[in-house]
Amino acid sequence: MKLSDYFKYLGLDNSALEKVLIDWVGINARPAYKLTRFMSKIDRVEDGIVGDFLIITIKASLALRAQAIRHKQFIVKDGLEEILTSAAYREKPIKDEIDMQLCASIDFWKSILEKRSCWLAQYGIWSEVIVHAQRYIAVAENTLPCKEYCVYGKDAENRYTDKDPGSPCPKHIIIHKRAVTQQQRDDIEKQFELENRPQFWRKLINEIR
């Protein structure tokens, strides 16, 4: 999907897009966006924990960038302005990558790791973030939001049916003592490998084999 197609999906026509560009990078850009431009000129700092904050630098797809920017607790530095001011920005596929640096409090990072380490909660798109963040903050089974029950119960149940093509969650299988087919076990194994899941999932997968 191209950015232009994504904008159409959002209901934005060309005139609306031009208005966005003026707001962002025009001479009379809005003050908040001027601050964004100012921040984008600050040199990146090295990754790591600084006081109560964690900073990571990744190659992020435009799709991931769209997800991350929704979290107001993140301070984001990236090359979006360069894309928006390029002549061909409408033709950019959303899978294209840009350099992005994310900074947030360690407490907020822990909440992100808890939610996005879940088998169901968009781990695939967030995997690059989690892989880098777990170099500084431990990610283990007790990081998951589920303890004695699944917080995404209905979605987890759909994974055993044709309603959701994704593989069932290993933790859900164990908690609820669900029977799974060999094909579902194989699908779980493939998802673990393809998405570079945290290693604690290996222990859980081994328990259902």
Protein backbone atom coordinates (compact mmCIF):
# COMPACT_ATOMS: atom_id res chain seq x y z
CA MET A 1 0.00 0.00 0.00
CA LYS A 2 1.24 3.49 -0.89
CA LEU A 3 0.88 6.55 1.33
CA SER A 4 -1.53 8.04 -1.19
CA ASP A 5 -3.75 4.94 -0.92
CA TYR A 6 -3.56 5.09 2.86
CA PHE A 7 -4.61 8.76 2.82
CA LYS A 8 -7.55 7.86 0.57
CA TYR A 9 -8.54 5.19 3.08
CA LEU A 10 -8.55 7.92 5.74
CA GLY A 11 -10.78 10.05 3.51
CA LEU A 12 -8.15 12.70 2.73
CA ASP A 13 -8.09 14.20 -0.77
CA ASN A 14 -5.19 16.07 -2.37
CA SER A 15 -6.29 19.48 -1.05
CA ALA A 16 -6.39 18.10 2.49
CA LEU A 17 -2.92 16.64 2.01
CA GLU A 18 -1.57 19.97 0.82
CA LYS A 19 -3.07 21.60 3.92
CA VAL A 20 -1.24 19.06 6.09
CA LEU A 21 2.04 19.88 4.35
CA ILE A 22 1.53 23.63 4.85
CA ASP A 23 0.78 23.07 8.54
CA TRP A 24 3.90 20.96 8.93
CA VAL A 25 6.57 22.61 6.83
CA GLY A 26 5.18 25.87 5.46
CA ILE A 27 6.43 29.34 6.41
CA ASN A 28 3.42 29.79 8.70
CA ALA A 29 3.55 26.30 10.19
CA ARG A 30 1.63 25.82 13.42
CA PRO A 31 3.69 26.43 16.57
CA ALA A 32 3.45 22.79 17.69
CA TYR A 33 4.78 21.62 14.34
CA LYS A 34 7.50 24.24 14.38
CA LEU A 35 8.61 22.67 17.66
CA THR A 36 8.61 19.27 15.97
CA ARG A 37 10.83 20.66 13.22
CA PHE A 38 13.11 22.21 15.82
CA MET A 39 13.37 18.90 17.69
CA SER A 40 14.19 17.11 14.43
CA LYS A 41 17.33 19.22 14.08
CA ILE A 42 18.72 18.17 17.46
CA ASP A 43 21.48 15.58 17.14
CA ARG A 44 20.53 12.08 18.15
CA VAL A 45 21.92 10.82 21.41
CA GLU A 46 23.23 7.35 22.05
CA ASP A 47 20.84 4.55 22.94
CA GLY A 48 20.49 3.50 26.55
CA ILE A 49 19.01 4.41 29.90
CA VAL A 50 19.45 8.03 30.94
CA GLY A 51 18.06 8.69 34.40
CA ASP A 52 14.45 7.48 34.36
CA PHE A 53 14.29 7.36 30.56
CA LEU A 54 15.17 4.84 27.85
CA ILE A 55 16.22 5.87 24.35
CA ILE A 56 16.36 3.46 21.40
CA THR A 57 17.11 3.97 17.70
CA ILE A 58 15.58 1.69 15.07
CA LYS A 59 14.75 1.36 11.41
CA ALA A 60 10.97 1.72 11.49
CA SER A 61 8.42 1.13 8.75
CA LEU A 62 6.01 3.98 8.10
CA ALA A 63 3.30 1.63 9.39
CA LEU A 64 5.11 1.25 12.73
CA ARG A 65 5.75 4.98 12.85
CA ALA A 66 2.00 5.56 12.50
CA GLN A 67 1.42 3.24 15.47
CA ALA A 68 4.16 4.66 17.71
CA ILE A 69 3.25 8.31 17.19
CA ARG A 70 -0.20 7.68 18.69
CA HIS A 71 1.45 7.20 22.08
CA LYS A 72 1.88 10.74 23.40
CA GLN A 73 4.37 9.53 26.03
CA PHE A 74 6.94 8.89 23.29
CA ILE A 75 9.33 11.64 22.24
CA VAL A 76 9.95 10.83 18.57
CA LYS A 77 12.76 11.97 16.32
CA ASP A 78 12.70 10.77 12.73
CA GLY A 79 12.97 11.75 9.08
CA LEU A 80 9.26 12.23 8.33
CA GLU A 81 9.73 15.84 7.24
CA GLU A 82 12.15 14.71 4.52
CA ILE A 83 9.52 12.31 3.20
CA LEU A 84 6.72 14.89 3.26
CA THR A 85 8.81 17.47 1.42
CA SER A 86 9.92 15.02 -1.29
CA ALA A 87 8.15 15.17 -4.63
CA ALA A 88 7.21 11.47 -4.58
CA TYR A 89 5.95 11.17 -1.01
CA ARG A 90 2.50 9.99 -2.17
CA GLU A 91 4.09 6.96 -3.83
CA LYS A 92 5.96 5.79 -0.72
CA PRO A 93 4.89 2.27 0.37
CA ILE A 94 3.98 2.16 4.07
CA LYS A 95 6.48 -0.67 4.49
CA ASP A 96 9.33 1.72 3.61
CA GLU A 97 11.65 2.35 6.54
CA ILE A 98 12.96 5.52 8.14
CA ASP A 99 15.42 6.11 10.97
CA MET A 100 13.48 6.71 14.17
CA GLN A 101 14.55 7.40 17.74
CA LEU A 102 12.10 6.81 20.59
CA CYS A 103 12.44 8.15 24.11
CA ALA A 104 10.08 7.57 27.04
CA SER A 105 10.10 6.93 30.75
CA ILE A 106 11.10 3.43 31.82
CA ASP A 107 7.66 2.97 33.41
CA PHE A 108 5.99 3.72 30.08
CA TRP A 109 8.39 1.38 28.25
CA LYS A 110 7.38 -1.38 30.66
CA SER A 111 3.71 -0.84 29.81
CA ILE A 112 4.53 -1.02 26.08
CA LEU A 113 6.51 -4.23 26.57
CA GLU A 114 3.68 -5.74 28.61
CA LYS A 115 1.03 -5.03 25.98
CA ARG A 116 3.03 -5.68 22.82
CA SER A 117 4.77 -8.85 24.00
CA CYS A 118 1.34 -10.50 24.03
CA TRP A 119 0.98 -13.20 21.36
CA LEU A 120 -2.06 -11.41 19.91
CA ALA A 121 -1.38 -7.67 20.27
CA GLN A 122 0.36 -6.65 17.03
CA TYR A 123 3.73 -8.04 18.08
CA GLY A 124 4.74 -8.41 14.44
CA ILE A 125 4.64 -4.69 13.70
CA TRP A 126 6.19 -3.81 17.10
CA SER A 127 8.89 -6.49 17.09
CA GLU A 128 11.69 -4.11 16.07
CA VAL A 129 10.87 -1.87 19.03
CA ILE A 130 10.64 -4.76 21.49
CA VAL A 131 13.86 -6.42 20.33
CA HIS A 132 15.79 -3.20 20.95
CA ALA A 133 14.04 -2.25 24.19
CA GLN A 134 14.63 -5.65 25.78
CA ARG A 135 18.37 -5.03 25.62
CA TYR A 136 17.79 -2.63 28.51
CA ILE A 137 14.55 -3.85 30.13
CA ALA A 138 14.03 -7.55 30.79
CA VAL A 139 11.13 -9.20 28.98
CA ALA A 140 9.91 -12.44 30.55
CA GLU A 141 6.73 -14.48 30.88
CA ASN A 142 5.63 -12.40 33.87
CA THR A 143 5.80 -9.33 31.60
CA LEU A 144 2.67 -10.51 29.80
CA PRO A 145 -0.68 -8.90 30.70
CA CYS A 146 -2.29 -12.33 31.27
CA LYS A 147 -1.92 -14.05 34.62
CA GLU A 148 -4.79 -16.42 35.40
CA TYR A 149 -6.91 -15.39 32.41
CA CYS A 150 -6.50 -13.86 28.94
CA VAL A 151 -7.30 -10.16 28.62
CA TYR A 152 -8.10 -10.71 24.93
CA GLY A 153 -10.33 -13.74 25.53
CA LYS A 154 -12.59 -13.54 22.47
CA ASP A 155 -9.71 -12.79 20.11
CA ALA A 156 -7.75 -15.69 21.60
CA GLU A 157 -10.69 -18.05 21.10
CA ASN A 158 -10.99 -17.01 17.45
CA ARG A 159 -7.45 -18.29 16.87
CA TYR A 160 -8.75 -21.86 17.23
CA THR A 161 -11.25 -21.31 14.41
CA ASP A 162 -11.29 -20.07 10.82
CA LYS A 163 -12.38 -16.61 12.00
CA ASP A 164 -8.75 -15.60 12.59
CA PRO A 165 -5.91 -17.00 10.43
CA GLY A 166 -3.33 -16.33 13.16
CA SER A 167 -1.89 -19.10 15.31
CA PRO A 168 -3.29 -19.79 18.82
CA CYS A 169 -1.48 -18.31 21.82
CA PRO A 170 0.70 -20.90 23.63
CA LYS A 171 -0.03 -19.32 27.03
CA HIS A 172 -3.78 -19.44 26.36
CA ILE A 173 -3.50 -23.11 25.43
CA ILE A 174 -1.73 -23.88 28.70
CA ILE A 175 -4.00 -21.79 30.95
CA HIS A 176 -7.21 -23.20 29.48
CA LYS A 177 -5.87 -26.70 28.73
CA ARG A 178 -6.98 -26.46 25.12
CA ALA A 179 -6.42 -29.21 22.59
CA VAL A 180 -4.63 -28.11 19.40
CA THR A 181 -3.93 -29.82 16.11
CA GLN A 182 -0.48 -30.56 14.76
CA GLN A 183 -1.05 -27.91 12.10
CA GLN A 184 -1.75 -25.32 14.80
CA ARG A 185 1.43 -26.35 16.62
CA ASP A 186 3.38 -25.93 13.38
CA ASP A 187 1.80 -22.50 12.82
CA ILE A 188 2.82 -21.45 16.34
CA GLU A 189 6.39 -22.55 15.67
CA LYS A 190 6.50 -20.60 12.40
CA GLN A 191 5.15 -17.45 14.05
CA PHE A 192 7.74 -17.71 16.81
CA GLU A 193 10.58 -17.94 14.28
CA LEU A 194 9.32 -15.41 11.74
CA GLU A 195 8.58 -12.69 14.30
CA ASN A 196 11.73 -13.21 16.37
CA ARG A 197 9.68 -13.59 19.55
CA PRO A 198 11.29 -13.22 23.00
CA GLN A 199 12.85 -16.47 24.19
CA PHE A 200 10.42 -17.08 27.06
CA TRP A 201 7.90 -18.13 24.38
CA ARG A 202 10.16 -21.09 23.54
CA LYS A 203 9.55 -22.59 26.98
CA LEU A 204 5.78 -22.19 26.61
CA ILE A 205 5.80 -23.67 23.11
CA ASN A 206 7.76 -26.68 24.34
CA GLU A 207 5.10 -27.29 26.99
CA ILE A 208 2.39 -27.82 24.37
CA ARG A 209 4.38 -30.15 22.13
